[in-house]
Amino acid sequence: MDGFPFIIAAIGGYLLGSIPFGLFITRAAGLGDIRQIGSGNIGATNVLRTGRKDLALATLLLDSFKAGLAILGFALLFGDRNVGLIAGVFAFLGHCYPVWLRFKGGKGVAVIFGISLAMAPLISVMVGPLVFAVYYASRSWVWAFGAGIIAINVLLIWFGAKVMKITLCLVLSVLVVTTHFGSEYRELRQALRDRNWRKLGLLE
């Protein structure tokens, strides 16, 4: 029985995370299937490629919200923060690998920030200005979110967060690198070889 809350949280978190808000929003706006545009993923960055900043922002907020809801909802339901954290991990997996879309979802950056807001709101607020500053300097959400993820990990350790939180954040950071930044690796490597600094700033 001790493992029952974690099993329910894992299933519920995955189902919440697998809701493809980017796909629903773009279809409702008459833009068709977002998977046929840009990189083909269902996240906010690809929705932005439609030219609709409002839809991209809505996708970003909703993807963040579903992760936060998974953590806070299951933590409150079972009275255990660790259960909520497990729900957050599976919300991330559900977003990136939704069974409904043949396991081809988003890249998980918005979900990561939703998770961080739920488990460490003060640190997340502190990191927010850094994310926008890096974006302003580089004009790349890849670099901006990357800086944010690194900063969250550093601050969690600096402020002495519990081991469970630090471990969760590190694991999710590795996962988001494989889903988001991994797809940019070849282009990044070529840009570094060519010393094409402008291209580096435009990676998205």
Protein backbone atom coordinates (compact mmCIF):
# COMPACT_ATOMS: atom_id res chain seq x y z
CA MET A 1 0.00 0.00 0.00
CA ASP A 2 2.93 2.35 0.61
CA GLY A 3 3.69 2.48 -3.11
CA PHE A 4 0.08 3.04 -4.16
CA PRO A 5 0.16 6.88 -3.99
CA PHE A 6 3.30 6.94 -6.13
CA ILE A 7 1.74 4.66 -8.76
CA ILE A 8 -1.39 6.82 -8.93
CA ALA A 9 0.74 9.98 -9.09
CA ALA A 10 2.85 8.54 -11.89
CA ILE A 11 -0.20 7.60 -13.96
CA GLY A 12 -2.04 10.84 -13.23
CA GLY A 13 1.04 12.96 -13.83
CA TYR A 14 1.68 11.28 -17.16
CA LEU A 15 -1.92 11.81 -18.29
CA LEU A 16 -1.84 15.48 -17.31
CA GLY A 17 1.49 16.02 -18.98
CA SER A 18 0.36 14.31 -22.17
CA ILE A 19 -2.37 16.90 -22.86
CA PRO A 20 -1.11 18.51 -26.13
CA PHE A 21 -2.14 22.12 -25.53
CA GLY A 22 -0.03 23.41 -28.42
CA LEU A 23 -1.83 21.11 -30.83
CA PHE A 24 -5.28 22.00 -29.48
CA ILE A 25 -4.64 25.75 -29.47
CA THR A 26 -3.28 25.96 -33.01
CA ARG A 27 -6.10 23.83 -34.37
CA ALA A 28 -8.69 25.94 -32.57
CA ALA A 29 -7.10 29.05 -34.11
CA GLY A 30 -7.46 27.57 -37.59
CA LEU A 31 -3.73 27.04 -38.15
CA GLY A 32 -3.99 23.31 -38.75
CA ASP A 33 -1.65 20.69 -37.31
CA ILE A 34 1.33 22.27 -35.53
CA ARG A 35 3.25 19.04 -36.18
CA GLN A 36 3.38 20.03 -39.86
CA ILE A 37 5.08 23.35 -39.04
CA GLY A 38 8.70 24.15 -38.16
CA SER A 39 10.37 21.50 -36.03
CA GLY A 40 7.16 19.47 -35.82
CA ASN A 41 6.91 19.42 -32.04
CA ILE A 42 3.91 20.64 -30.06
CA GLY A 43 5.65 23.07 -27.70
CA ALA A 44 5.50 26.84 -27.35
CA THR A 45 8.67 27.52 -29.35
CA ASN A 46 7.24 25.78 -32.40
CA VAL A 47 3.87 27.48 -31.94
CA LEU A 48 5.79 30.78 -32.05
CA ARG A 49 6.92 29.84 -35.56
CA THR A 50 3.33 30.32 -36.73
CA GLY A 51 3.77 34.03 -36.09
CA ARG A 52 1.16 34.05 -33.32
CA LYS A 53 2.87 35.24 -30.14
CA ASP A 54 -0.42 35.08 -28.25
CA LEU A 55 -0.86 31.41 -29.05
CA ALA A 56 2.76 30.67 -28.12
CA LEU A 57 2.31 32.43 -24.78
CA ALA A 58 -0.92 30.52 -24.12
CA THR A 59 0.85 27.24 -24.90
CA LEU A 60 3.76 28.16 -22.63
CA LEU A 61 1.46 29.02 -19.73
CA LEU A 62 -0.75 25.95 -20.11
CA ASP A 63 2.18 23.55 -20.46
CA SER A 64 3.71 25.07 -17.33
CA PHE A 65 0.37 24.95 -15.53
CA LYS A 66 -0.23 21.24 -16.14
CA ALA A 67 3.13 20.38 -14.60
CA GLY A 68 2.52 22.58 -11.58
CA LEU A 69 -0.96 21.15 -11.19
CA ALA A 70 0.44 17.61 -11.22
CA ILE A 71 2.91 18.39 -8.43
CA LEU A 72 0.64 20.44 -6.19
CA GLY A 73 -2.48 18.37 -6.86
CA PHE A 74 -1.02 14.99 -5.97
CA ALA A 75 1.00 16.40 -3.07
CA LEU A 76 -2.21 17.75 -1.56
CA LEU A 77 -4.21 14.65 -2.43
CA PHE A 78 -1.86 12.29 -0.59
CA GLY A 79 -0.31 14.74 1.86
CA ASP A 80 3.20 13.92 0.66
CA ARG A 81 5.45 16.29 -1.28
CA ASN A 82 7.50 13.41 -2.66
CA VAL A 83 4.39 11.96 -4.28
CA GLY A 84 3.87 15.34 -5.95
CA LEU A 85 7.44 15.38 -7.22
CA ILE A 86 6.97 11.96 -8.81
CA ALA A 87 3.84 13.29 -10.52
CA GLY A 88 5.94 16.16 -11.87
CA VAL A 89 8.53 13.82 -13.35
CA PHE A 90 5.84 11.81 -15.12
CA ALA A 91 4.12 15.01 -16.30
CA PHE A 92 7.39 15.85 -18.02
CA LEU A 93 7.56 12.38 -19.59
CA GLY A 94 3.92 12.63 -20.66
CA HIS A 95 4.57 15.97 -22.35
CA CYS A 96 7.65 14.75 -24.22
CA TYR A 97 6.33 11.27 -25.02
CA PRO A 98 2.50 11.36 -25.20
CA VAL A 99 1.02 8.00 -26.11
CA TRP A 100 -1.77 9.76 -28.04
CA LEU A 101 0.74 11.28 -30.47
CA ARG A 102 2.88 8.17 -30.94
CA PHE A 103 5.30 9.37 -28.27
CA LYS A 104 6.25 12.52 -30.21
CA GLY A 105 5.47 15.53 -28.05
CA GLY A 106 7.17 18.73 -26.93
CA LYS A 107 10.68 19.27 -25.65
CA GLY A 108 9.69 19.93 -22.05
CA VAL A 109 11.18 23.35 -21.28
CA ALA A 110 7.87 24.96 -20.31
CA VAL A 111 7.04 21.90 -18.22
CA ILE A 112 10.40 22.21 -16.42
CA PHE A 113 9.59 25.76 -15.42
CA GLY A 114 6.12 24.77 -14.29
CA ILE A 115 7.71 22.13 -12.09
CA SER A 116 10.24 24.60 -10.70
CA LEU A 117 7.50 27.13 -9.93
CA ALA A 118 5.58 24.49 -8.00
CA MET A 119 8.50 23.12 -6.01
CA ALA A 120 10.66 26.26 -5.60
CA PRO A 121 8.62 29.38 -6.43
CA LEU A 122 11.07 31.92 -4.99
CA ILE A 123 14.03 30.51 -6.92
CA SER A 124 11.94 30.38 -10.09
CA VAL A 125 11.02 34.05 -9.74
CA MET A 126 14.69 34.90 -9.16
CA VAL A 127 15.68 33.05 -12.35
CA GLY A 128 12.99 34.69 -14.50
CA PRO A 129 14.90 37.95 -15.18
CA LEU A 130 18.00 35.96 -16.13
CA VAL A 131 16.05 34.00 -18.75
CA PHE A 132 14.73 37.18 -20.37
CA ALA A 133 18.13 38.89 -20.17
CA VAL A 134 19.83 36.00 -21.96
CA TYR A 135 17.08 35.95 -24.58
CA TYR A 136 17.45 39.70 -25.11
CA ALA A 137 21.20 39.29 -25.58
CA SER A 138 21.12 36.19 -27.80
CA ARG A 139 17.62 36.31 -29.33
CA SER A 140 17.49 32.58 -28.69
CA TRP A 141 15.13 30.78 -26.33
CA VAL A 142 17.49 27.79 -26.44
CA TRP A 143 20.24 29.77 -24.69
CA ALA A 144 17.76 31.56 -22.43
CA PHE A 145 16.08 28.41 -21.13
CA GLY A 146 19.44 26.68 -20.85
CA ALA A 147 20.74 29.47 -18.62
CA GLY A 148 17.56 29.28 -16.56
CA ILE A 149 17.82 25.54 -16.01
CA ILE A 150 21.47 25.81 -14.94
CA ALA A 151 20.64 28.67 -12.56
CA ILE A 152 17.78 26.75 -10.93
CA ASN A 153 20.09 23.80 -10.22
CA VAL A 154 22.80 26.03 -8.79
CA LEU A 155 20.39 27.98 -6.57
CA LEU A 156 18.71 24.83 -5.24
CA ILE A 157 22.10 23.55 -4.12
CA TRP A 158 23.18 26.99 -2.84
CA PHE A 159 20.09 27.40 -0.66
CA GLY A 160 20.34 23.87 0.70
CA ALA A 161 17.21 22.37 -0.83
CA LYS A 162 16.29 18.81 0.12
CA VAL A 163 18.11 16.03 -1.68
CA MET A 164 14.90 14.86 -3.36
CA LYS A 165 14.35 18.27 -4.96
CA ILE A 166 17.95 18.61 -6.11
CA THR A 167 17.97 15.09 -7.54
CA LEU A 168 14.68 15.66 -9.34
CA CYS A 169 15.89 18.90 -10.84
CA LEU A 170 19.17 17.37 -12.01
CA VAL A 171 17.39 14.38 -13.58
CA LEU A 172 14.90 16.62 -15.38
CA SER A 173 17.73 18.88 -16.54
CA VAL A 174 19.47 15.91 -18.15
CA LEU A 175 16.20 14.84 -19.75
CA VAL A 176 15.47 18.29 -21.17
CA VAL A 177 19.00 18.46 -22.58
CA THR A 178 18.37 15.20 -24.44
CA THR A 179 14.96 16.33 -25.73
CA HIS A 180 15.57 20.01 -26.48
CA PHE A 181 19.26 20.72 -26.82
CA GLY A 182 20.10 17.32 -28.26
CA SER A 183 18.19 18.20 -31.43
CA GLU A 184 20.37 21.30 -31.83
CA TYR A 185 23.69 19.56 -31.28
CA ARG A 186 24.81 19.15 -34.89
CA GLU A 187 23.89 22.70 -35.83
CA LEU A 188 25.60 24.03 -32.72
CA ARG A 189 28.78 22.07 -33.42
CA GLN A 190 28.91 23.29 -37.02
CA ALA A 191 28.34 26.90 -35.96
CA LEU A 192 31.20 26.64 -33.45
CA ARG A 193 33.51 25.21 -36.09
CA ASP A 194 32.60 28.01 -38.50
CA ARG A 195 32.78 30.62 -35.73
CA ASN A 196 29.36 31.74 -36.85
CA TRP A 197 28.39 33.69 -33.75
CA ARG A 198 25.26 35.10 -35.37
CA LYS A 199 23.99 31.62 -36.11
CA LEU A 200 24.66 30.58 -32.53
CA GLY A 201 22.37 33.35 -31.34
CA LEU A 202 19.61 32.25 -33.68
CA LEU A 203 19.49 28.59 -32.72
CA GLU A 204 15.92 27.71 -31.76
